[in-house]
Amino acid sequence: MGLAMFAIKTPKQIRKSVDFKDRQGEYFHVWHKHPDLHTWIEELYLEKGGAHLFNKVNVRLTLDDLDRLERAIEEKLLPKTVIFTFGISDGSEMEDDLEFVAKARTAIHEGYSVYCQSNW
């Protein structure tokens, strides 16, 4: 058991911010056991009106969300999260996280909707 998170892009134009269904999506980034990022995205999910635990639900990311995430990564402001089964974020994820932000921005500029989900 552990934490996995997925970034998905879809040609479908998703208007809802949270809790939508999509079967056309393509996984383009995966994280394993990165609880600090999970908590940041979970807080975004709740901020956008999510009503569940951030597990097997979707949250759409906008360019503004990606700007906020990039700042949080660069300024080392991802919330420190310690949950035994989620693993430990140790800071070595920064380059990969910034790579995700760049890929997500490109996907949005190419006309895709981008969203994240987790599974734990």
N, C-alpha and C. Protein backbone atom coordinates (compact mmCIF):
# COMPACT_ATOMS: atom_id res chain seq x y z
N MET A 1 0.84 -1.18 0.00
CA MET A 1 0.00 0.00 0.00
C MET A 1 0.89 1.24 0.00
N GLY A 2 0.48 2.24 -0.72
CA GLY A 2 1.23 3.47 -0.76
C GLY A 2 0.50 4.49 -1.59
N LEU A 3 1.14 5.59 -1.80
CA LEU A 3 0.54 6.71 -2.51
C LEU A 3 1.06 6.76 -3.94
N ALA A 4 0.15 6.86 -4.88
CA ALA A 4 0.50 7.12 -6.27
C ALA A 4 -0.38 8.27 -6.74
N MET A 5 0.20 9.18 -7.51
CA MET A 5 -0.56 10.28 -8.08
C MET A 5 -0.29 10.32 -9.58
N PHE A 6 -1.29 10.79 -10.30
CA PHE A 6 -1.23 10.77 -11.76
C PHE A 6 -1.65 12.12 -12.31
N ALA A 7 -0.93 12.57 -13.34
CA ALA A 7 -1.34 13.72 -14.12
C ALA A 7 -1.85 13.19 -15.44
N ILE A 8 -3.00 13.70 -15.85
CA ILE A 8 -3.69 13.21 -17.03
C ILE A 8 -4.03 14.40 -17.92
N LYS A 9 -3.87 14.20 -19.23
CA LYS A 9 -4.31 15.23 -20.18
C LYS A 9 -5.38 14.60 -21.05
N THR A 10 -6.34 15.42 -21.43
CA THR A 10 -7.44 14.93 -22.25
C THR A 10 -7.80 15.99 -23.29
N PRO A 11 -8.15 15.54 -24.50
CA PRO A 11 -8.59 16.50 -25.51
C PRO A 11 -9.97 17.08 -25.18
N LYS A 12 -10.68 16.41 -24.29
CA LYS A 12 -12.01 16.87 -23.87
C LYS A 12 -11.85 18.17 -23.08
N GLN A 13 -12.63 19.17 -23.40
CA GLN A 13 -12.57 20.43 -22.66
C GLN A 13 -13.41 20.31 -21.39
N ILE A 14 -12.73 20.15 -20.30
CA ILE A 14 -13.39 19.96 -19.01
C ILE A 14 -13.64 21.33 -18.38
N ARG A 15 -14.88 21.58 -18.03
CA ARG A 15 -15.25 22.86 -17.42
C ARG A 15 -15.34 22.77 -15.90
N LYS A 16 -15.74 21.60 -15.39
CA LYS A 16 -15.83 21.44 -13.94
C LYS A 16 -14.42 21.45 -13.35
N SER A 17 -14.31 21.92 -12.13
CA SER A 17 -13.01 21.97 -11.47
C SER A 17 -12.67 20.67 -10.74
N VAL A 18 -13.70 19.99 -10.24
CA VAL A 18 -13.46 18.78 -9.43
C VAL A 18 -14.54 17.74 -9.70
N ASP A 19 -14.22 16.50 -9.33
CA ASP A 19 -15.19 15.41 -9.27
C ASP A 19 -15.91 15.15 -10.60
N PHE A 20 -15.19 15.26 -11.69
CA PHE A 20 -15.74 14.97 -13.02
C PHE A 20 -15.23 13.60 -13.47
N LYS A 21 -15.86 13.07 -14.48
CA LYS A 21 -15.45 11.79 -15.07
C LYS A 21 -14.80 12.06 -16.41
N ASP A 22 -13.79 11.28 -16.75
CA ASP A 22 -13.16 11.38 -18.06
C ASP A 22 -12.58 10.03 -18.42
N ARG A 23 -12.91 9.54 -19.59
CA ARG A 23 -12.39 8.25 -20.04
C ARG A 23 -11.46 8.40 -21.26
N GLN A 24 -11.20 9.64 -21.66
CA GLN A 24 -10.37 9.89 -22.83
C GLN A 24 -8.95 10.30 -22.45
N GLY A 25 -8.66 10.38 -21.18
CA GLY A 25 -7.39 10.93 -20.72
C GLY A 25 -6.19 10.04 -20.95
N GLU A 26 -5.04 10.69 -21.04
CA GLU A 26 -3.76 10.02 -21.23
C GLU A 26 -2.85 10.41 -20.05
N TYR A 27 -2.36 9.40 -19.35
CA TYR A 27 -1.44 9.66 -18.24
C TYR A 27 -0.13 10.20 -18.82
N PHE A 28 0.34 11.33 -18.27
CA PHE A 28 1.60 11.87 -18.78
C PHE A 28 2.62 12.14 -17.69
N HIS A 29 2.26 11.95 -16.45
CA HIS A 29 3.22 12.08 -15.35
C HIS A 29 2.71 11.28 -14.16
N VAL A 30 3.63 10.62 -13.47
CA VAL A 30 3.27 9.78 -12.32
C VAL A 30 4.24 10.08 -11.18
N TRP A 31 3.70 10.13 -9.98
CA TRP A 31 4.51 10.26 -8.77
C TRP A 31 4.20 9.08 -7.85
N HIS A 32 5.20 8.61 -7.17
CA HIS A 32 5.00 7.59 -6.15
C HIS A 32 5.54 8.13 -4.83
N LYS A 33 4.72 8.02 -3.80
CA LYS A 33 5.13 8.38 -2.44
C LYS A 33 5.74 9.79 -2.34
N HIS A 34 4.92 10.77 -2.71
CA HIS A 34 5.30 12.19 -2.61
C HIS A 34 4.18 12.90 -1.85
N PRO A 35 4.12 12.67 -0.52
CA PRO A 35 2.99 13.19 0.25
C PRO A 35 2.91 14.71 0.31
N ASP A 36 4.04 15.42 0.24
CA ASP A 36 3.97 16.89 0.29
C ASP A 36 3.20 17.43 -0.92
N LEU A 37 3.48 16.90 -2.10
CA LEU A 37 2.76 17.33 -3.29
C LEU A 37 1.29 16.90 -3.21
N HIS A 38 1.06 15.70 -2.71
CA HIS A 38 -0.31 15.22 -2.55
C HIS A 38 -1.12 16.19 -1.69
N THR A 39 -0.56 16.62 -0.58
CA THR A 39 -1.28 17.54 0.30
C THR A 39 -1.55 18.86 -0.39
N TRP A 40 -0.57 19.37 -1.15
CA TRP A 40 -0.78 20.63 -1.87
C TRP A 40 -1.94 20.48 -2.86
N ILE A 41 -1.95 19.40 -3.62
CA ILE A 41 -3.01 19.19 -4.61
C ILE A 41 -4.35 18.91 -3.90
N GLU A 42 -4.32 18.20 -2.81
CA GLU A 42 -5.55 17.96 -2.04
C GLU A 42 -6.14 19.27 -1.54
N GLU A 43 -5.30 20.18 -1.05
CA GLU A 43 -5.78 21.49 -0.61
C GLU A 43 -6.40 22.26 -1.77
N LEU A 44 -5.80 22.16 -2.96
CA LEU A 44 -6.37 22.80 -4.15
C LEU A 44 -7.73 22.18 -4.48
N TYR A 45 -7.80 20.87 -4.42
CA TYR A 45 -9.06 20.15 -4.66
C TYR A 45 -10.16 20.67 -3.72
N LEU A 46 -9.86 20.79 -2.44
CA LEU A 46 -10.84 21.26 -1.47
C LEU A 46 -11.19 22.73 -1.71
N GLU A 47 -10.19 23.54 -2.04
CA GLU A 47 -10.40 24.96 -2.34
C GLU A 47 -11.36 25.13 -3.52
N LYS A 48 -11.28 24.23 -4.48
CA LYS A 48 -12.13 24.30 -5.67
C LYS A 48 -13.50 23.67 -5.46
N GLY A 49 -13.79 23.21 -4.26
CA GLY A 49 -15.12 22.68 -3.97
C GLY A 49 -15.20 21.18 -3.83
N GLY A 50 -14.07 20.50 -3.84
CA GLY A 50 -14.07 19.05 -3.65
C GLY A 50 -14.68 18.68 -2.31
N ALA A 51 -15.43 17.60 -2.30
CA ALA A 51 -16.16 17.23 -1.09
C ALA A 51 -15.77 15.85 -0.57
N HIS A 52 -14.68 15.30 -1.06
CA HIS A 52 -14.28 13.95 -0.68
C HIS A 52 -12.82 13.97 -0.22
N LEU A 53 -12.34 12.83 0.26
CA LEU A 53 -10.91 12.67 0.42
C LEU A 53 -10.30 12.71 -0.96
N PHE A 54 -9.08 13.22 -1.09
CA PHE A 54 -8.45 13.28 -2.41
C PHE A 54 -7.87 11.91 -2.74
N ASN A 55 -8.78 11.01 -3.11
CA ASN A 55 -8.42 9.64 -3.45
C ASN A 55 -9.40 9.16 -4.51
N LYS A 56 -8.89 8.89 -5.70
CA LYS A 56 -9.70 8.42 -6.82
C LYS A 56 -10.74 9.44 -7.26
N VAL A 57 -10.41 10.71 -7.10
CA VAL A 57 -11.24 11.81 -7.60
C VAL A 57 -10.34 12.72 -8.43
N ASN A 58 -10.93 13.58 -9.23
CA ASN A 58 -10.17 14.41 -10.15
C ASN A 58 -10.22 15.89 -9.77
N VAL A 59 -9.12 16.59 -10.02
CA VAL A 59 -9.08 18.04 -9.88
C VAL A 59 -8.38 18.59 -11.12
N ARG A 60 -9.08 19.50 -11.82
CA ARG A 60 -8.53 20.12 -13.03
C ARG A 60 -7.53 21.20 -12.64
N LEU A 61 -6.43 21.27 -13.37
CA LEU A 61 -5.41 22.27 -13.14
C LEU A 61 -5.45 23.32 -14.25
N THR A 62 -5.39 24.57 -13.84
CA THR A 62 -5.35 25.69 -14.78
C THR A 62 -3.92 26.24 -14.83
N LEU A 63 -3.69 27.16 -15.75
CA LEU A 63 -2.39 27.81 -15.80
C LEU A 63 -2.09 28.56 -14.51
N ASP A 64 -3.11 29.19 -13.92
CA ASP A 64 -2.92 29.87 -12.63
C ASP A 64 -2.53 28.88 -11.54
N ASP A 65 -3.17 27.72 -11.52
CA ASP A 65 -2.82 26.69 -10.53
C ASP A 65 -1.37 26.26 -10.71
N LEU A 66 -0.95 26.10 -11.96
CA LEU A 66 0.43 25.69 -12.23
C LEU A 66 1.43 26.76 -11.81
N ASP A 67 1.06 28.03 -11.98
CA ASP A 67 1.93 29.11 -11.51
C ASP A 67 2.08 29.05 -9.99
N ARG A 68 0.97 28.84 -9.30
CA ARG A 68 1.01 28.73 -7.83
C ARG A 68 1.84 27.53 -7.39
N LEU A 69 1.65 26.41 -8.08
CA LEU A 69 2.40 25.20 -7.74
C LEU A 69 3.89 25.41 -7.98
N GLU A 70 4.23 26.00 -9.11
CA GLU A 70 5.64 26.24 -9.41
C GLU A 70 6.29 27.10 -8.32
N ARG A 71 5.58 28.15 -7.89
CA ARG A 71 6.11 29.00 -6.81
C ARG A 71 6.31 28.20 -5.52
N ALA A 72 5.32 27.38 -5.20
CA ALA A 72 5.41 26.56 -3.97
C ALA A 72 6.59 25.60 -4.05
N ILE A 73 6.82 25.03 -5.20
CA ILE A 73 7.95 24.10 -5.38
C ILE A 73 9.27 24.86 -5.26
N GLU A 74 9.41 25.93 -6.00
CA GLU A 74 10.67 26.68 -6.02
C GLU A 74 11.00 27.30 -4.66
N GLU A 75 9.97 27.75 -3.95
CA GLU A 75 10.20 28.38 -2.65
C GLU A 75 10.14 27.37 -1.50
N LYS A 76 10.05 26.10 -1.88
CA LYS A 76 10.01 25.00 -0.90
C LYS A 76 8.88 25.19 0.11
N LEU A 77 7.69 25.49 -0.43
CA LEU A 77 6.51 25.74 0.39
C LEU A 77 5.47 24.64 0.31
N LEU A 78 5.81 23.50 -0.29
CA LEU A 78 4.86 22.39 -0.26
C LEU A 78 4.69 21.99 1.19
N PRO A 79 3.45 21.73 1.63
CA PRO A 79 3.22 21.41 3.04
C PRO A 79 3.89 20.10 3.44
N LYS A 80 4.66 20.13 4.50
CA LYS A 80 5.31 18.92 5.01
C LYS A 80 4.24 17.97 5.52
N THR A 81 4.24 16.76 5.00
CA THR A 81 3.20 15.78 5.31
C THR A 81 3.87 14.48 5.69
N VAL A 82 3.48 13.96 6.84
CA VAL A 82 4.00 12.67 7.29
C VAL A 82 2.82 11.74 7.54
N ILE A 83 2.65 10.80 6.62
CA ILE A 83 1.65 9.74 6.75
C ILE A 83 2.37 8.46 6.41
N PHE A 84 2.45 7.56 7.35
CA PHE A 84 3.29 6.37 7.25
C PHE A 84 3.19 5.68 5.90
N THR A 85 1.99 5.38 5.42
CA THR A 85 1.83 4.62 4.18
C THR A 85 2.06 5.46 2.92
N PHE A 86 2.19 6.79 3.06
CA PHE A 86 2.38 7.67 1.91
C PHE A 86 3.85 7.84 1.53
N GLY A 87 4.76 7.40 2.36
CA GLY A 87 6.17 7.62 2.11
C GLY A 87 6.60 8.98 2.62
N ILE A 88 7.79 9.41 2.21
CA ILE A 88 8.35 10.67 2.68
C ILE A 88 8.86 11.47 1.49
N SER A 89 8.47 12.74 1.42
CA SER A 89 9.05 13.66 0.44
C SER A 89 10.33 14.19 1.05
N ASP A 90 11.43 14.09 0.32
CA ASP A 90 12.72 14.50 0.89
C ASP A 90 13.37 15.68 0.18
N GLY A 91 12.65 16.30 -0.73
CA GLY A 91 13.20 17.44 -1.46
C GLY A 91 13.85 17.07 -2.78
N SER A 92 14.18 15.81 -2.95
CA SER A 92 14.82 15.38 -4.20
C SER A 92 13.83 15.38 -5.38
N GLU A 93 12.57 15.60 -5.10
CA GLU A 93 11.53 15.56 -6.13
C GLU A 93 11.41 16.87 -6.92
N MET A 94 12.11 17.91 -6.48
CA MET A 94 11.92 19.25 -7.05
C MET A 94 12.07 19.27 -8.58
N GLU A 95 13.12 18.71 -9.11
CA GLU A 95 13.35 18.73 -10.56
C GLU A 95 12.21 18.03 -11.30
N ASP A 96 11.78 16.89 -10.80
CA ASP A 96 10.68 16.15 -11.41
C ASP A 96 9.38 16.95 -11.33
N ASP A 97 9.14 17.60 -10.20
CA ASP A 97 7.92 18.40 -10.04
C ASP A 97 7.91 19.56 -11.02
N LEU A 98 9.03 20.22 -11.20
CA LEU A 98 9.11 21.33 -12.15
C LEU A 98 8.97 20.83 -13.59
N GLU A 99 9.48 19.64 -13.86
CA GLU A 99 9.29 19.03 -15.18
C GLU A 99 7.80 18.80 -15.44
N PHE A 100 7.08 18.33 -14.42
CA PHE A 100 5.64 18.16 -14.56
C PHE A 100 4.97 19.48 -14.90
N VAL A 101 5.30 20.54 -14.16
CA VAL A 101 4.68 21.85 -14.40
C VAL A 101 4.90 22.27 -15.85
N ALA A 102 6.09 22.10 -16.36
CA ALA A 102 6.39 22.46 -17.75
C ALA A 102 5.56 21.63 -18.73
N LYS A 103 5.48 20.32 -18.49
CA LYS A 103 4.70 19.45 -19.39
C LYS A 103 3.21 19.80 -19.33
N ALA A 104 2.72 20.12 -18.14
CA ALA A 104 1.30 20.47 -17.99
C ALA A 104 0.98 21.78 -18.71
N ARG A 105 1.86 22.75 -18.58
CA ARG A 105 1.66 24.03 -19.29
C ARG A 105 1.61 23.79 -20.79
N THR A 106 2.55 23.00 -21.29
CA THR A 106 2.58 22.70 -22.73
C THR A 106 1.27 22.05 -23.16
N ALA A 107 0.80 21.08 -22.39
CA ALA A 107 -0.45 20.40 -22.73
C ALA A 107 -1.61 21.37 -22.79
N ILE A 108 -1.71 22.27 -21.82
CA ILE A 108 -2.80 23.25 -21.81
C ILE A 108 -2.68 24.17 -23.03
N HIS A 109 -1.48 24.62 -23.34
CA HIS A 109 -1.29 25.49 -24.52
C HIS A 109 -1.62 24.76 -25.82
N GLU A 110 -1.51 23.44 -25.81
CA GLU A 110 -1.87 22.64 -26.99
C GLU A 110 -3.36 22.33 -27.04
N GLY A 111 -4.14 22.81 -26.08
CA GLY A 111 -5.58 22.65 -26.11
C GLY A 111 -6.14 21.53 -25.24
N TYR A 112 -5.29 20.88 -24.48
CA TYR A 112 -5.75 19.81 -23.59
C TYR A 112 -6.26 20.39 -22.27
N SER A 113 -7.12 19.65 -21.61
CA SER A 113 -7.42 19.87 -20.21
C SER A 113 -6.48 18.97 -19.42
N VAL A 114 -5.99 19.46 -18.29
CA VAL A 114 -5.05 18.72 -17.46
C VAL A 114 -5.65 18.56 -16.08
N TYR A 115 -5.54 17.35 -15.54
CA TYR A 115 -6.03 17.13 -14.18
C TYR A 115 -5.17 16.11 -13.46
N CYS A 116 -5.35 16.09 -12.14
CA CYS A 116 -4.61 15.14 -11.29
C CYS A 116 -5.60 14.30 -10.50
N GLN A 117 -5.12 13.12 -10.14
CA GLN A 117 -5.85 12.23 -9.25
C GLN A 117 -4.83 11.44 -8.46
N SER A 118 -5.26 10.88 -7.34
CA SER A 118 -4.37 10.04 -6.56
C SER A 118 -5.07 8.72 -6.26
N ASN A 119 -4.25 7.79 -5.83
CA ASN A 119 -4.75 6.47 -5.46
C ASN A 119 -3.92 5.98 -4.30
N TRP A 120 -4.58 5.75 -3.17
CA TRP A 120 -3.88 5.23 -2.00
C TRP A 120 -4.74 4.26 -1.25
